């Protein structure tokens, strides 16, 4: 009996060791349903919360929310009307992740289908895979009834032509000599070709929408969808379809996502970093700030820095913990959308730098 008790004790100890530090006691009141999003998601968060109130799972509710942005030709960051790659072709990426099952689905470099988040949801529900790309993603979408259509609107085509006429250094091709480390002792901080040149090269649109959802039971789900970096090299994939980067969910902890420079989020494993800090007990805002600071620390190449040695680009994170507490932070000042019992609204995000 003593040996059996010892085994039971060791088994219980081992099981408890894998539980996250963050948990909700039975006495704590959940604030769901709630949703948080990038600033272009004001309507999306309202739709997501309304859908959760009808009983739709958080991940499905988030996909319903982003659909309105994917379908909007005036939002040139996502879906129909999104800005194209350097050849004038619209390539879309998206991913979803479901808290209760721990499953996710994603598509990347998808052509001619304006709702990539819905295709990502189908990947999660109807395959044993997580990520489908390029022609395979398109074939899968068509098999599941998604109609092909031309996603390049006249407005987006004209923007692409303006970019083509004034290319100069505002593309994604880099000379070997440009990948040098920042030297604060150099003239002007970043040196002759740092500072303003770095800021100019980062000025192209990087449109994305993320929606993170928590329902009244504390179940979580997240979705991120994008047309990616405007005028990108064909086949470029950012953080949006990569679980752990542009979107990540842990049903014991919460959900996080990002918008902004995808390469920086990929290299820092951004959304998973936020969820990790949520698990350690940090508030959603502080967890997002930690992910931003990680990017600041990891950005060391001069062409990516301003004259003061700070990232010359923007990244934003959004998070909701299992209790339904929301937060957001960015490298520089920005706003985010949120929806709770007080209604949908835009709110200032925390920032690492104030300018």
Protein backbone atom coordinates (compact mmCIF):
# COMPACT_ATOMS: atom_id res chain seq x y z
CA UNK A 1 0.00 0.00 0.00
CA UNK A 2 2.85 2.35 0.80
CA UNK A 3 4.38 1.72 -2.64
CA UNK A 4 1.01 2.28 -4.36
CA UNK A 5 0.49 5.54 -2.51
CA UNK A 6 3.97 6.64 -3.50
CA UNK A 7 3.25 5.87 -7.16
CA UNK A 8 0.00 7.80 -7.01
CA UNK A 9 1.81 10.75 -5.44
CA UNK A 10 4.55 10.74 -8.07
CA UNK A 11 1.99 10.45 -10.86
CA UNK A 12 0.00 13.37 -9.51
CA UNK A 13 3.16 15.43 -9.12
CA UNK A 14 4.23 14.70 -12.72
CA UNK A 15 0.79 15.61 -14.04
CA UNK A 16 0.70 18.89 -12.15
CA UNK A 17 4.15 19.82 -13.48
CA UNK A 18 2.82 20.20 -17.04
CA UNK A 19 -0.09 22.45 -16.09
CA UNK A 20 0.32 26.15 -16.93
CA UNK A 21 0.99 28.56 -14.11
CA UNK A 22 -2.07 30.56 -15.19
CA UNK A 23 -5.42 29.16 -14.09
CA UNK A 24 -8.91 30.29 -13.14
CA UNK A 25 -10.43 29.26 -9.86
CA UNK A 26 -14.09 28.33 -9.64
CA UNK A 27 -14.68 31.56 -7.68
CA UNK A 28 -13.44 33.85 -10.44
CA UNK A 29 -16.07 35.29 -12.77
CA UNK A 30 -15.49 34.98 -16.50
CA UNK A 31 -16.02 38.15 -18.54
CA UNK A 32 -16.88 36.49 -21.85
CA UNK A 33 -17.93 36.60 -24.48
CA UNK A 34 -15.33 39.18 -25.51
CA UNK A 35 -13.17 39.80 -28.56
CA UNK A 36 -10.08 41.87 -29.33
CA UNK A 37 -8.73 42.83 -32.74
CA UNK A 38 -6.50 45.10 -34.75
CA UNK A 39 -7.91 48.58 -35.29
CA UNK A 40 -9.52 47.60 -38.61
CA UNK A 41 -11.61 45.03 -36.72
CA UNK A 42 -14.18 47.23 -34.98
CA UNK A 43 -17.08 45.64 -36.84
CA UNK A 44 -15.40 42.24 -36.69
CA UNK A 45 -15.27 42.12 -32.88
CA UNK A 46 -18.95 43.03 -32.65
CA UNK A 47 -19.90 40.25 -35.07
CA UNK A 48 -17.66 37.77 -33.23
CA UNK A 49 -19.23 38.49 -29.85
CA UNK A 50 -22.75 38.35 -31.27
CA UNK A 51 -21.94 34.99 -32.87
CA UNK A 52 -20.57 33.61 -29.58
CA UNK A 53 -23.76 34.74 -27.85
CA UNK A 54 -25.70 32.44 -30.21
CA UNK A 55 -23.48 29.51 -29.19
CA UNK A 56 -20.97 29.54 -32.06
CA UNK A 57 -17.48 28.39 -30.94
CA UNK A 58 -14.93 31.20 -30.52
CA UNK A 59 -12.81 30.20 -33.53
CA UNK A 60 -15.85 30.10 -35.82
CA UNK A 61 -17.06 33.41 -34.39
CA UNK A 62 -13.70 35.01 -35.14
CA UNK A 63 -13.82 33.74 -38.74
CA UNK A 64 -17.31 35.21 -39.10
CA UNK A 65 -15.95 38.49 -37.78
CA UNK A 66 -13.04 38.80 -40.21
CA UNK A 67 -15.24 37.88 -43.19
CA UNK A 68 -16.64 41.41 -43.33
CA UNK A 69 -13.10 42.79 -43.71
CA UNK A 70 -12.03 40.13 -46.21
CA UNK A 71 -15.05 41.05 -48.37
CA UNK A 72 -14.49 44.81 -48.20
CA UNK A 73 -12.83 46.14 -51.39
CA UNK A 74 -11.99 49.39 -49.60
CA UNK A 75 -9.81 47.60 -47.04
CA UNK A 76 -6.69 47.00 -49.10
CA UNK A 77 -5.04 44.90 -46.40
CA UNK A 78 -7.07 41.68 -46.57
CA UNK A 79 -9.03 39.53 -48.99
CA UNK A 80 -10.84 41.11 -51.94
CA UNK A 81 -9.07 44.33 -52.94
CA UNK A 82 -5.90 43.43 -51.03
CA UNK A 83 -2.66 44.90 -52.34
CA UNK A 84 -0.80 42.49 -54.65
CA UNK A 85 2.73 41.11 -54.78
CA UNK A 86 5.44 42.64 -56.99
CA UNK A 87 3.96 40.91 -60.06
CA UNK A 88 0.49 42.34 -59.45
CA UNK A 89 -1.00 39.09 -58.09
CA UNK A 90 -3.01 39.05 -54.84
CA UNK A 91 -1.71 36.30 -52.52
CA UNK A 92 -3.62 35.65 -49.30
CA UNK A 93 -2.63 33.95 -46.02
CA UNK A 94 -4.65 33.00 -42.94
CA UNK A 95 -4.69 30.72 -39.94
CA UNK A 96 -7.15 29.67 -37.25
CA UNK A 97 -6.68 27.88 -33.94
CA UNK A 98 -9.29 26.31 -31.69
CA UNK A 99 -8.79 26.22 -27.93
CA UNK A 100 -11.00 23.28 -26.88
CA UNK A 101 -9.49 20.83 -29.43
CA UNK A 102 -6.01 22.34 -29.66
CA UNK A 103 -6.23 22.08 -33.45
CA UNK A 104 -5.32 24.64 -36.07
CA UNK A 105 -5.53 25.18 -39.80
CA UNK A 106 -3.81 27.52 -42.23
CA UNK A 107 -3.34 28.46 -45.86
CA UNK A 108 -0.57 30.51 -47.49
CA UNK A 109 0.05 31.99 -50.94
CA UNK A 110 -3.59 31.34 -51.82
CA UNK A 111 -4.79 32.91 -55.09
CA UNK A 112 -8.31 33.80 -56.28
CA UNK A 113 -10.20 32.95 -53.04
CA UNK A 114 -11.26 36.01 -51.07
CA UNK A 115 -11.97 34.31 -47.71
CA UNK A 116 -8.75 32.50 -46.74
CA UNK A 117 -9.79 32.32 -43.08
CA UNK A 118 -12.73 30.12 -44.05
CA UNK A 119 -10.42 27.88 -46.06
CA UNK A 120 -8.07 27.65 -43.05
CA UNK A 121 -11.05 26.61 -40.91
CA UNK A 122 -11.85 23.87 -43.44
CA UNK A 123 -8.23 22.67 -43.32
CA UNK A 124 -8.56 22.36 -39.53
CA UNK A 125 -11.92 20.60 -39.66
CA UNK A 126 -11.49 18.29 -42.65
CA UNK A 127 -7.82 17.27 -42.79
CA UNK A 128 -5.07 15.90 -40.58
CA UNK A 129 -2.84 18.77 -41.73
CA UNK A 130 -2.25 22.26 -40.41
CA UNK A 131 -0.89 24.24 -43.38
CA UNK A 132 -1.65 24.07 -47.11
CA UNK A 133 0.12 26.40 -49.55
CA UNK A 134 -0.04 27.65 -53.13
CA UNK A 135 -1.75 25.49 -55.77
CA UNK A 136 -2.54 22.80 -53.20
CA UNK A 137 -4.40 25.30 -51.04
CA UNK A 138 -6.35 26.53 -54.07
CA UNK A 139 -7.27 22.99 -55.14
CA UNK A 140 -8.44 22.22 -51.60
CA UNK A 141 -10.55 25.39 -51.51
CA UNK A 142 -12.22 24.61 -54.84
CA UNK A 143 -12.98 21.05 -53.72
CA UNK A 144 -14.80 22.53 -50.72
CA UNK A 145 -16.96 24.82 -52.83
CA UNK A 146 -15.04 28.10 -52.68
CA UNK A 147 -15.44 30.04 -55.93
CA UNK A 148 -12.46 31.52 -57.74
CA UNK A 149 -12.59 35.21 -58.59
CA UNK A 150 -10.28 38.05 -59.54
CA UNK A 151 -9.24 39.73 -56.27
CA UNK A 152 -7.32 42.63 -57.81
CA UNK A 153 -9.57 45.70 -57.74
CA UNK A 154 -8.88 48.72 -59.93
CA UNK A 155 -7.90 50.74 -56.86
CA UNK A 156 -5.33 48.13 -55.80
CA UNK A 157 -4.03 47.83 -59.38
CA UNK A 158 -3.43 51.57 -59.57
CA UNK A 159 -1.56 51.48 -56.23
CA UNK A 160 0.61 48.66 -57.58
CA UNK A 161 1.36 50.62 -60.77
CA UNK A 162 2.40 53.67 -58.73
CA UNK A 163 4.77 51.46 -56.77
CA UNK A 164 6.19 49.95 -59.98
CA UNK A 165 6.92 53.41 -61.37
CA UNK A 166 8.85 54.49 -58.26
CA UNK A 167 10.57 51.28 -57.15
CA UNK A 168 14.05 52.62 -56.19
CA UNK A 169 14.97 50.87 -52.89
CA UNK A 170 11.41 50.25 -51.73
CA UNK A 171 11.42 46.54 -52.52
CA UNK A 172 12.46 43.39 -50.65
CA UNK A 173 15.75 42.69 -52.41
CA UNK A 174 18.78 43.22 -50.15
CA UNK A 175 22.46 43.51 -50.98
CA UNK A 176 24.85 41.46 -48.84
CA UNK A 177 26.52 44.65 -47.64
CA UNK A 178 23.21 45.89 -46.21
CA UNK A 179 23.01 43.09 -43.61
CA UNK A 180 25.39 44.78 -41.20
CA UNK A 181 24.92 45.27 -37.49
CA UNK A 182 23.90 48.59 -36.04
CA UNK A 183 26.80 50.68 -34.78
CA UNK A 184 25.68 53.41 -32.37
CA UNK A 185 29.09 55.08 -32.59
CA UNK A 186 28.76 55.64 -36.34
CA UNK A 187 27.91 59.08 -37.67
CA UNK A 188 24.20 59.79 -37.33
CA UNK A 189 23.64 56.74 -35.15
CA UNK A 190 22.69 54.39 -37.98
CA UNK A 191 25.35 55.59 -40.37
CA UNK A 192 24.84 57.18 -43.78
CA UNK A 193 22.34 54.65 -45.11
CA UNK A 194 20.55 54.01 -41.80
CA UNK A 195 17.82 56.08 -40.20
CA UNK A 196 15.68 57.78 -42.83
CA UNK A 197 16.51 55.16 -45.48
CA UNK A 198 15.44 52.36 -43.15
CA UNK A 199 12.19 54.14 -42.31
CA UNK A 200 11.46 54.76 -45.98
CA UNK A 201 11.98 51.11 -46.88
CA UNK A 202 9.48 50.06 -44.20
CA UNK A 203 6.74 52.48 -45.28
CA UNK A 204 4.85 50.04 -47.53
CA UNK A 205 1.47 48.83 -46.21
CA UNK A 206 1.41 45.62 -44.17
CA UNK A 207 -2.30 44.94 -43.87
CA UNK A 208 -3.69 42.24 -41.62
CA UNK A 209 -6.58 41.60 -39.25
CA UNK A 210 -6.41 39.44 -36.12
CA UNK A 211 -9.41 38.59 -33.94
CA UNK A 212 -9.05 36.77 -30.60
CA UNK A 213 -12.18 35.49 -28.86
CA UNK A 214 -13.19 34.10 -25.45
CA UNK A 215 -16.72 32.86 -24.76
CA UNK A 216 -18.72 32.74 -21.53
CA UNK A 217 -17.20 29.34 -20.61
CA UNK A 218 -13.64 30.57 -21.02
CA UNK A 219 -13.01 28.68 -24.26
CA UNK A 220 -10.76 30.55 -26.67
CA UNK A 221 -10.15 30.80 -30.39
CA UNK A 222 -8.17 33.00 -32.75
CA UNK A 223 -7.91 33.93 -36.42
CA UNK A 224 -5.48 36.03 -38.44
CA UNK A 225 -5.94 36.82 -42.14
CA UNK A 226 -3.97 39.01 -44.54
CA UNK A 227 -2.93 39.89 -48.06
CA UNK A 228 0.56 40.24 -46.65
CA UNK A 229 3.18 42.86 -47.29
CA UNK A 230 2.20 44.98 -50.28
CA UNK A 231 4.31 44.33 -53.42
CA UNK A 232 6.16 41.44 -51.76
CA UNK A 233 8.34 38.90 -53.57
CA UNK A 234 5.96 36.25 -54.97
CA UNK A 235 5.62 33.36 -52.56
CA UNK A 236 6.56 35.44 -49.52
CA UNK A 237 4.78 34.22 -46.40
CA UNK A 238 4.60 36.35 -43.27
CA UNK A 239 3.50 35.53 -39.75
CA UNK A 240 -0.26 35.49 -40.37
CA UNK A 241 -0.61 31.82 -41.42
CA UNK A 242 2.02 30.54 -38.99
CA UNK A 243 0.67 29.26 -35.68
CA UNK A 244 2.78 30.56 -32.83
CA UNK A 245 3.68 33.66 -34.82
CA UNK A 246 0.66 35.63 -36.05
CA UNK A 247 -1.88 33.67 -33.99
CA UNK A 248 -1.71 31.27 -31.05
CA UNK A 249 -4.19 29.73 -28.64
CA UNK A 250 -3.95 27.76 -25.41
CA UNK A 251 -7.36 26.95 -23.94
CA UNK A 252 -5.92 26.90 -20.42
CA UNK A 253 -4.44 30.36 -20.86
CA UNK A 254 -5.77 32.60 -23.64
CA UNK A 255 -5.22 33.77 -27.21
CA UNK A 256 -2.83 36.22 -28.88
CA UNK A 257 -2.17 37.53 -32.35
CA UNK A 258 -0.24 40.17 -34.23
CA UNK A 259 -0.15 42.59 -37.13
CA UNK A 260 2.72 44.57 -38.62
CA UNK A 261 6.12 43.41 -39.89
CA UNK A 262 5.65 39.66 -40.20
CA UNK A 263 9.33 38.83 -40.52
CA UNK A 264 10.01 40.27 -37.07
CA UNK A 265 7.10 38.33 -35.57
CA UNK A 266 8.28 35.07 -37.15
CA UNK A 267 11.83 35.50 -35.87
CA UNK A 268 10.58 36.17 -32.33
CA UNK A 269 7.76 33.56 -32.37
CA UNK A 270 5.53 36.46 -31.33
CA UNK A 271 2.04 35.17 -30.50
CA UNK A 272 3.40 32.14 -28.63
CA UNK A 273 5.63 34.50 -26.64
CA UNK A 274 2.57 36.51 -25.58
CA UNK A 275 0.68 33.37 -24.53
CA UNK A 276 3.74 32.15 -22.63
CA UNK A 277 3.74 35.36 -20.58
CA UNK A 278 -0.01 35.04 -20.02
CA UNK A 279 0.66 31.57 -18.62
CA UNK A 280 3.18 33.08 -16.22
CA UNK A 281 0.45 35.34 -14.86
CA UNK A 282 1.11 38.60 -16.71
CA UNK A 283 -1.81 40.77 -17.77
CA UNK A 284 -2.65 40.73 -21.50
CA UNK A 285 -1.17 44.20 -21.97
CA UNK A 286 2.07 43.35 -20.15
CA UNK A 287 2.35 40.06 -22.04
CA UNK A 288 2.04 41.95 -25.34
CA UNK A 289 4.66 44.46 -24.20
CA UNK A 290 7.08 41.62 -23.43
CA UNK A 291 6.70 40.32 -26.98
CA UNK A 292 7.32 43.81 -28.38
CA UNK A 293 10.43 44.22 -26.24
CA UNK A 294 11.70 40.86 -27.47
CA UNK A 295 11.46 42.12 -31.05
CA UNK A 296 13.25 45.35 -30.13
CA UNK A 297 16.05 43.33 -28.53
CA UNK A 298 16.33 40.90 -31.45
CA UNK A 299 16.41 43.54 -34.22
CA UNK A 300 20.11 44.21 -34.79
CA UNK A 301 20.64 44.85 -38.50
CA UNK A 302 21.21 48.49 -39.40
CA UNK A 303 18.82 48.59 -42.38
CA UNK A 304 15.95 47.71 -40.02
CA UNK A 305 16.77 50.38 -37.44
CA UNK A 306 16.27 54.12 -37.22
CA UNK A 307 19.02 56.61 -36.41
CA UNK A 308 18.57 55.88 -32.69
CA UNK A 309 18.96 52.14 -33.06
CA UNK A 310 15.26 51.33 -32.63
CA UNK A 311 13.18 49.20 -35.02
CA UNK A 312 12.15 51.34 -38.00
CA UNK A 313 8.94 49.33 -38.36
CA UNK A 314 5.76 48.68 -36.43
CA UNK A 315 4.51 45.47 -34.80
CA UNK A 316 1.34 45.20 -32.74
CA UNK A 317 0.11 42.41 -30.46
CA UNK A 318 -3.38 41.69 -29.12
CA UNK A 319 -4.35 39.27 -26.35
CA UNK A 320 -7.24 37.97 -24.25
CA UNK A 321 -6.74 35.68 -21.29
CA UNK A 322 -9.12 32.94 -20.24
CA UNK A 323 -10.87 35.28 -17.80
CA UNK A 324 -11.81 37.55 -20.69
CA UNK A 325 -9.35 40.33 -19.79
CA UNK A 326 -8.09 42.07 -22.93
CA UNK A 327 -4.96 44.00 -23.77
CA UNK A 328 -2.74 45.18 -26.61
CA UNK A 329 0.69 46.71 -27.15
CA UNK A 330 2.89 47.86 -30.00
CA UNK A 331 6.40 49.07 -30.65
CA UNK A 332 4.99 52.55 -31.27
CA UNK A 333 1.65 54.16 -30.36
CA UNK A 334 -1.39 52.57 -31.97
CA UNK A 335 -4.98 51.58 -31.29
CA UNK A 336 -6.92 48.35 -31.21
CA UNK A 337 -10.56 47.25 -31.32
CA UNK A 338 -12.33 45.44 -28.51
CA UNK A 339 -15.83 44.27 -27.66
CA UNK A 340 -17.28 43.35 -24.27
CA UNK A 341 -20.40 44.20 -22.25
CA UNK A 342 -19.65 47.91 -22.81
CA UNK A 343 -19.90 47.54 -26.59
CA UNK A 344 -17.42 47.79 -29.49
CA UNK A 345 -14.80 50.54 -29.33
CA UNK A 346 -11.30 51.57 -30.28
CA UNK A 347 -8.80 51.93 -27.48
CA UNK A 348 -5.19 53.06 -27.20
CA UNK A 349 -2.60 50.29 -26.96
CA UNK A 350 0.46 50.34 -24.73
CA UNK A 351 3.71 51.14 -26.54
CA UNK A 352 7.41 50.49 -26.04
CA UNK A 353 8.33 53.88 -27.53
CA UNK A 354 6.16 57.00 -27.39
CA UNK A 355 7.10 58.30 -30.86
